Protein backbone atom coordinates (compact mmCIF):
# COMPACT_ATOMS: atom_id res chain seq x y z
CA MET A 1 -0.26 0.15 -0.24
CA ASN A 2 1.38 3.42 -0.68
CA ARG A 3 1.77 5.69 1.95
CA GLY A 4 -0.91 8.04 1.43
CA THR A 5 -3.28 6.02 0.04
CA ALA A 6 -5.71 3.79 2.80
CA THR A 7 -8.18 0.98 2.57
CA VAL A 8 -10.89 -0.35 5.24
CA SER A 9 -12.38 -3.23 3.72
CA GLY A 10 -15.51 -4.94 4.25
CA HIS A 11 -17.01 -8.28 3.22
CA ALA A 12 -16.56 -8.55 -1.00
CA LEU A 13 -20.44 -9.31 -1.61
CA ALA A 14 -22.67 -6.56 -0.38
CA ALA A 15 -20.46 -3.76 0.33
CA VAL A 16 -21.13 -0.19 0.93
CA THR A 17 -18.71 3.21 1.24
CA PRO A 18 -19.91 5.35 3.75
CA VAL A 19 -16.83 7.42 2.46
CA LEU A 20 -14.36 7.76 -0.68
CA ALA A 21 -11.80 10.47 -0.96
CA ALA A 22 -9.32 10.93 -3.67
CA GLY A 23 -7.13 13.72 -3.13
CA VAL A 24 -9.08 15.80 -0.49
CA GLY A 25 -7.83 19.06 0.91
CA ALA A 26 -9.25 20.67 3.58
CA ARG A 27 -8.72 23.39 5.40
CA HIS A 28 -9.18 24.55 9.01
CA ALA A 29 -8.13 27.81 11.28
CA GLY A 30 -4.42 26.44 11.43
CA GLY A 31 -3.71 25.53 8.28
CA TRP A 32 -4.28 22.11 6.77
CA ALA A 33 -6.29 19.21 8.00
CA LEU A 34 -5.85 17.35 4.55
CA ARG A 35 -3.56 17.92 2.25
CA SER A 36 -3.93 15.30 -0.85
CA ALA A 37 -5.51 12.25 1.19
CA SER A 38 -7.08 9.36 -0.42
CA PHE A 39 -9.03 6.92 1.70
CA ARG A 40 -11.91 4.95 1.23
CA ILE A 41 -14.29 3.80 4.26
CA ALA A 42 -16.38 -0.01 3.33
CA ALA A 43 -18.84 -1.05 5.78
CA PRO A 44 -20.66 -4.22 5.22
CA VAL A 45 -24.88 -3.78 4.34
CA SER A 46 -25.18 -6.23 7.58
CA GLY A 47 -22.31 -6.01 11.09
CA ARG A 48 -20.84 -2.36 9.81
CA ARG A 49 -18.04 -1.01 10.80
CA ALA A 50 -16.51 1.36 13.27
CA VAL A 51 -13.46 3.24 12.12
CA GLY A 52 -10.77 4.96 14.04
CA ILE A 53 -8.60 8.28 12.60
CA ALA A 54 -6.07 9.10 15.01
CA VAL A 55 -4.82 12.94 14.98
CA SER A 56 -2.50 14.88 16.37
CA SER A 57 -4.75 17.56 17.02
CA HIS A 58 -8.82 18.10 18.36
CA ALA A 59 -8.58 20.71 15.33
CA ASP A 60 -7.15 18.42 12.75
CA GLY A 61 -10.32 15.95 14.27
CA SER A 62 -12.74 18.71 14.07
CA ALA A 63 -12.04 19.89 10.75
CA VAL A 64 -12.39 16.20 9.13
CA VAL A 65 -15.12 15.47 11.05
CA ASP A 66 -16.59 18.79 9.62
CA LEU A 67 -16.16 17.71 6.43
CA LEU A 68 -17.68 14.25 6.30
CA ALA A 69 -20.54 16.07 7.80
CA GLY A 70 -21.48 18.37 4.98
CA HIS A 71 -20.53 21.62 7.53
CA THR A 72 -17.05 22.65 5.05
CA ARG A 73 -16.88 22.15 1.62
CA PRO A 74 -13.05 20.18 0.71
CA SER A 75 -10.55 22.73 -0.68
CA HIS A 76 -9.41 20.74 -3.73
CA GLY A 77 -10.53 16.83 -4.85
CA GLU A 78 -12.84 14.12 -5.05
CA LEU A 79 -14.82 13.10 -1.66
CA ARG A 80 -18.37 10.88 -1.34
CA VAL A 81 -20.01 10.06 1.92
CA LEU A 82 -23.09 8.10 1.64
CA GLY A 83 -22.67 8.65 -2.02
CA GLU A 84 -23.34 12.46 -2.66
CA ASP A 85 -20.61 14.65 -3.72
CA MET A 86 -19.10 16.87 -0.83
CA THR A 87 -18.11 19.12 -3.45
CA THR A 88 -21.28 20.27 -4.05
CA ALA A 89 -23.92 21.94 -2.02
CA ARG A 90 -26.83 19.85 -3.12
CA GLY A 91 -24.17 16.97 -1.65
CA ARG A 92 -23.26 18.56 1.37
CA ALA A 93 -27.32 19.43 2.08
CA ALA A 94 -28.36 15.32 1.83
CA VAL A 95 -25.28 14.34 3.96
CA ARG A 96 -26.49 16.90 6.74
CA ALA A 97 -29.94 14.85 6.68
CA GLN A 98 -28.36 11.77 6.96
CA VAL A 99 -25.55 12.31 9.42
CA GLY A 100 -25.17 12.04 13.42
CA VAL A 101 -22.66 13.95 15.18
CA ALA A 102 -21.38 13.49 18.50
CA ARG A 103 -19.08 16.53 19.55
CA ARG A 104 -16.56 16.23 22.81
CA ILE A 105 -17.25 20.63 23.37
CA MET A 106 -20.98 20.82 23.49
CA LYS A 107 -21.93 23.52 25.00
CA PRO A 108 -26.29 23.05 26.20
CA HIS A 109 -27.89 25.11 28.95
CA PRO A 110 -25.92 23.94 32.10
CA ALA A 111 -29.34 23.57 33.51
CA VAL A 112 -30.79 20.88 30.70
CA ARG A 113 -31.26 17.23 32.20
CA ILE A 114 -29.61 14.24 30.32
CA ARG A 115 -32.89 13.33 29.03
CA GLY A 116 -33.10 16.77 27.95
CA ILE A 117 -29.91 16.48 25.58
CA VAL A 118 -31.22 13.28 23.96
CA GLU A 119 -35.12 14.29 22.72
CA HIS A 120 -34.07 17.77 21.64
CA ALA A 121 -31.76 16.27 19.23
CA ALA A 122 -35.11 13.51 18.45
CA ARG A 123 -37.36 17.16 17.92
CA LEU A 124 -35.36 17.67 15.07
CA SER A 125 -36.80 15.01 13.20
CA LYS A 126 -40.21 15.11 11.33
CA LEU A 127 -41.07 11.98 13.33
CA PRO A 128 -44.54 11.85 15.69
CA ALA A 129 -43.95 13.11 18.75
CA SER A 130 -44.84 9.38 20.30
CA ASP A 131 -42.13 8.12 17.66
CA ARG A 132 -39.79 10.66 18.78
CA ALA A 133 -39.68 9.50 22.32
CA LEU A 134 -39.98 6.14 21.60
CA LEU A 135 -36.80 6.86 19.98
CA ALA A 136 -35.25 8.88 22.66
CA ALA A 137 -35.98 6.30 25.17
CA ALA A 138 -34.80 3.57 23.53
CA ILE A 139 -31.49 4.88 22.86
CA MET A 140 -31.39 6.21 26.24
CA ASP A 141 -31.84 2.46 27.47
CA ARG A 142 -28.71 1.19 24.99
CA LEU A 143 -26.43 3.59 26.41
CA ALA A 144 -27.43 2.74 30.09
CA LEU A 145 -28.65 6.79 30.41
CA THR A 146 -31.87 6.02 31.86
CA PRO A 147 -31.01 5.59 35.42
CA TRP A 148 -29.39 9.63 34.70
CA ALA A 149 -32.51 10.59 33.11
CA GLU A 150 -32.73 13.67 35.58
CA VAL A 151 -29.44 14.54 36.46
CA PRO A 152 -28.41 17.86 35.18
CA LEU A 153 -25.89 18.16 33.13
CA ARG A 154 -23.49 19.62 35.27
CA ALA A 155 -24.25 17.21 37.72
CA ALA A 156 -23.14 14.60 35.92
CA PRO A 157 -19.76 12.99 35.68
CA ASP A 158 -18.31 14.31 32.34
CA VAL A 159 -18.61 10.49 30.94
CA ILE A 160 -22.74 10.53 31.54
CA GLY A 161 -22.32 14.29 29.33
CA ARG A 162 -19.81 12.20 26.54
CA ARG A 163 -22.60 9.25 26.52
CA ALA A 164 -25.45 11.74 26.11
CA ARG A 165 -24.08 13.42 23.51
CA LEU A 166 -23.40 9.99 21.65
CA ALA A 167 -27.14 9.32 22.46
CA ALA A 168 -28.54 12.39 20.85
CA ALA A 169 -26.42 11.88 17.85
CA ALA A 170 -27.65 8.07 17.20
CA VAL A 171 -31.16 8.70 18.73
CA LEU A 172 -32.20 9.27 14.71
CA GLN A 173 -30.42 6.37 13.69
CA PRO A 174 -28.04 8.45 10.83
CA ASP A 175 -26.58 6.43 8.52
CA LEU A 176 -23.36 7.74 9.61
CA LEU A 177 -21.83 8.24 13.02
CA LEU A 178 -19.38 11.08 12.93
CA ILE A 179 -17.35 10.85 16.90
CA ASP A 180 -15.24 14.11 17.18
CA GLY A 181 -12.80 13.47 20.15
CA LEU A 182 -15.35 11.96 22.46
CA LEU A 183 -12.59 9.33 23.88
CA ASP A 184 -9.95 11.50 24.30
CA ASP A 185 -8.73 12.99 27.91
CA LEU A 186 -10.44 10.14 30.04
CA VAL A 187 -9.34 8.04 32.71
CA PRO A 188 -8.86 3.88 30.71
CA ARG A 189 -11.98 2.61 32.54
CA ASP A 190 -14.05 5.57 31.27
CA ALA A 191 -12.15 4.89 28.19
CA ALA A 192 -13.35 1.37 27.57
CA ALA A 193 -16.81 1.95 29.01
CA LEU A 194 -17.54 4.32 26.18
CA ALA A 195 -15.64 2.72 23.77
CA ASP A 196 -17.45 -0.66 24.27
CA ALA A 197 -20.79 1.86 24.13
CA ILE A 198 -19.75 2.91 20.68
CA ARG A 199 -18.62 -0.81 19.28
CA ASP A 200 -22.55 -2.13 20.29
CA LEU A 201 -23.14 1.09 18.00
CA GLY A 202 -21.66 -0.06 15.16
CA ARG A 203 -23.51 -2.65 14.74
CA ASP A 204 -26.00 -1.13 13.06
CA ILE A 205 -24.17 2.31 12.12
CA ALA A 206 -21.49 2.94 10.02
CA ILE A 207 -19.21 4.48 12.39
CA VAL A 208 -15.88 6.94 11.93
CA ALA A 209 -14.27 8.20 15.12
CA THR A 210 -11.16 11.08 15.48
CA GLY A 211 -9.31 11.04 18.46
CA GLN A 212 -5.89 11.88 19.97
CA ASP A 213 -6.12 8.84 22.03
CA THR A 214 -5.32 5.77 19.57
CA ARG A 215 -5.14 3.61 22.35
CA ALA A 216 -9.30 4.41 23.05
CA LEU A 217 -9.74 4.57 19.39
CA TRP A 218 -8.82 0.80 19.10
CA LEU A 219 -10.81 -0.48 21.59
CA ALA A 220 -13.80 0.78 19.66
CA CYS A 221 -13.48 0.53 16.67
CA ASP A 222 -12.20 -2.34 13.72
CA ASP A 223 -9.68 -0.60 12.39
CA VAL A 224 -7.53 2.68 13.04
CA LEU A 225 -6.21 4.84 10.28
CA THR A 226 -3.82 7.84 10.87
CA LEU A 227 -3.54 11.60 9.96
CA SER A 228 -0.52 13.12 9.58
CA TYR A 229 0.83 16.53 8.35
CA GLY A 230 -2.38 16.56 6.16
CA ILE A 231 -1.78 12.52 4.94
CA VAL A 232 -4.26 9.87 6.32
CA TYR A 233 -2.81 6.60 5.72
CA ARG A 234 -2.15 2.99 7.89
CA ALA A 235 0.27 2.81 10.61
C-alpha cells in the first residue's frame, strides 16, 4: 500500500462505501487538516464497522468531522460521503440530513438534564412526537443512560455527559455516525466503557471516530487510520 492511501474493506459481497476520498484537501483555522488525502472507508451492509482516525490535534479531528458531515467544502480533490458528491452544495445538504455528529465539545445550557439532550435531538426529526419519545427512550436505555435521565448535565460525571452526546447523535438512527474527540482525555475505565458503547452502536450504524487517544480508538473501532501532516494512512 502506498503511503497516502488507506483502505478499510468490508465483505467482498454486498458492501457499501460511507466515505470515498481522492486527493482531498481541507483547511482549518490553523492551516491544512488534509492536504492530498486518499482513503476509502467501507462497511458491510450487515454488521457495520467502526473506523477510527487518529489525529495529532483536536482541531484536525474537528476539521475532518466537519468535512465528512457536510459542514465544510473540500478545498480540492474528490470526496463522496454516503454516495453524495461533497464538492456540491446539494450533496453536502443531503449528507447533513443523514449523519449524526457527537462532539466532545458541546455547550448546552448547564441546567439541561441528560434526558433533555437526547430528546432535543429527537425533536429535530419530522416523526410524530410519540415516535420521537420512543426513539429517545430506546437509545437512552441502550447506552445505560436511563438512571441518569433526570440528572442535570452539570451534575453528571463527564463520561455520562459524553454518553449523552453519543445518544443524541445516534437517536435518529443516522446512516453515518461521526464522533469528534469523544474518547480523548478519559481515565482508562471510562474510555473502555464508552468504547464498548460505540462498538455496540457500530453493529447497526457506520461509524467514523476521530481522536488523539489511539488506544481508546482501537478499543472502539475495528480499524484505525492515522492522519499525519494532512495525509491519511494505515500505520
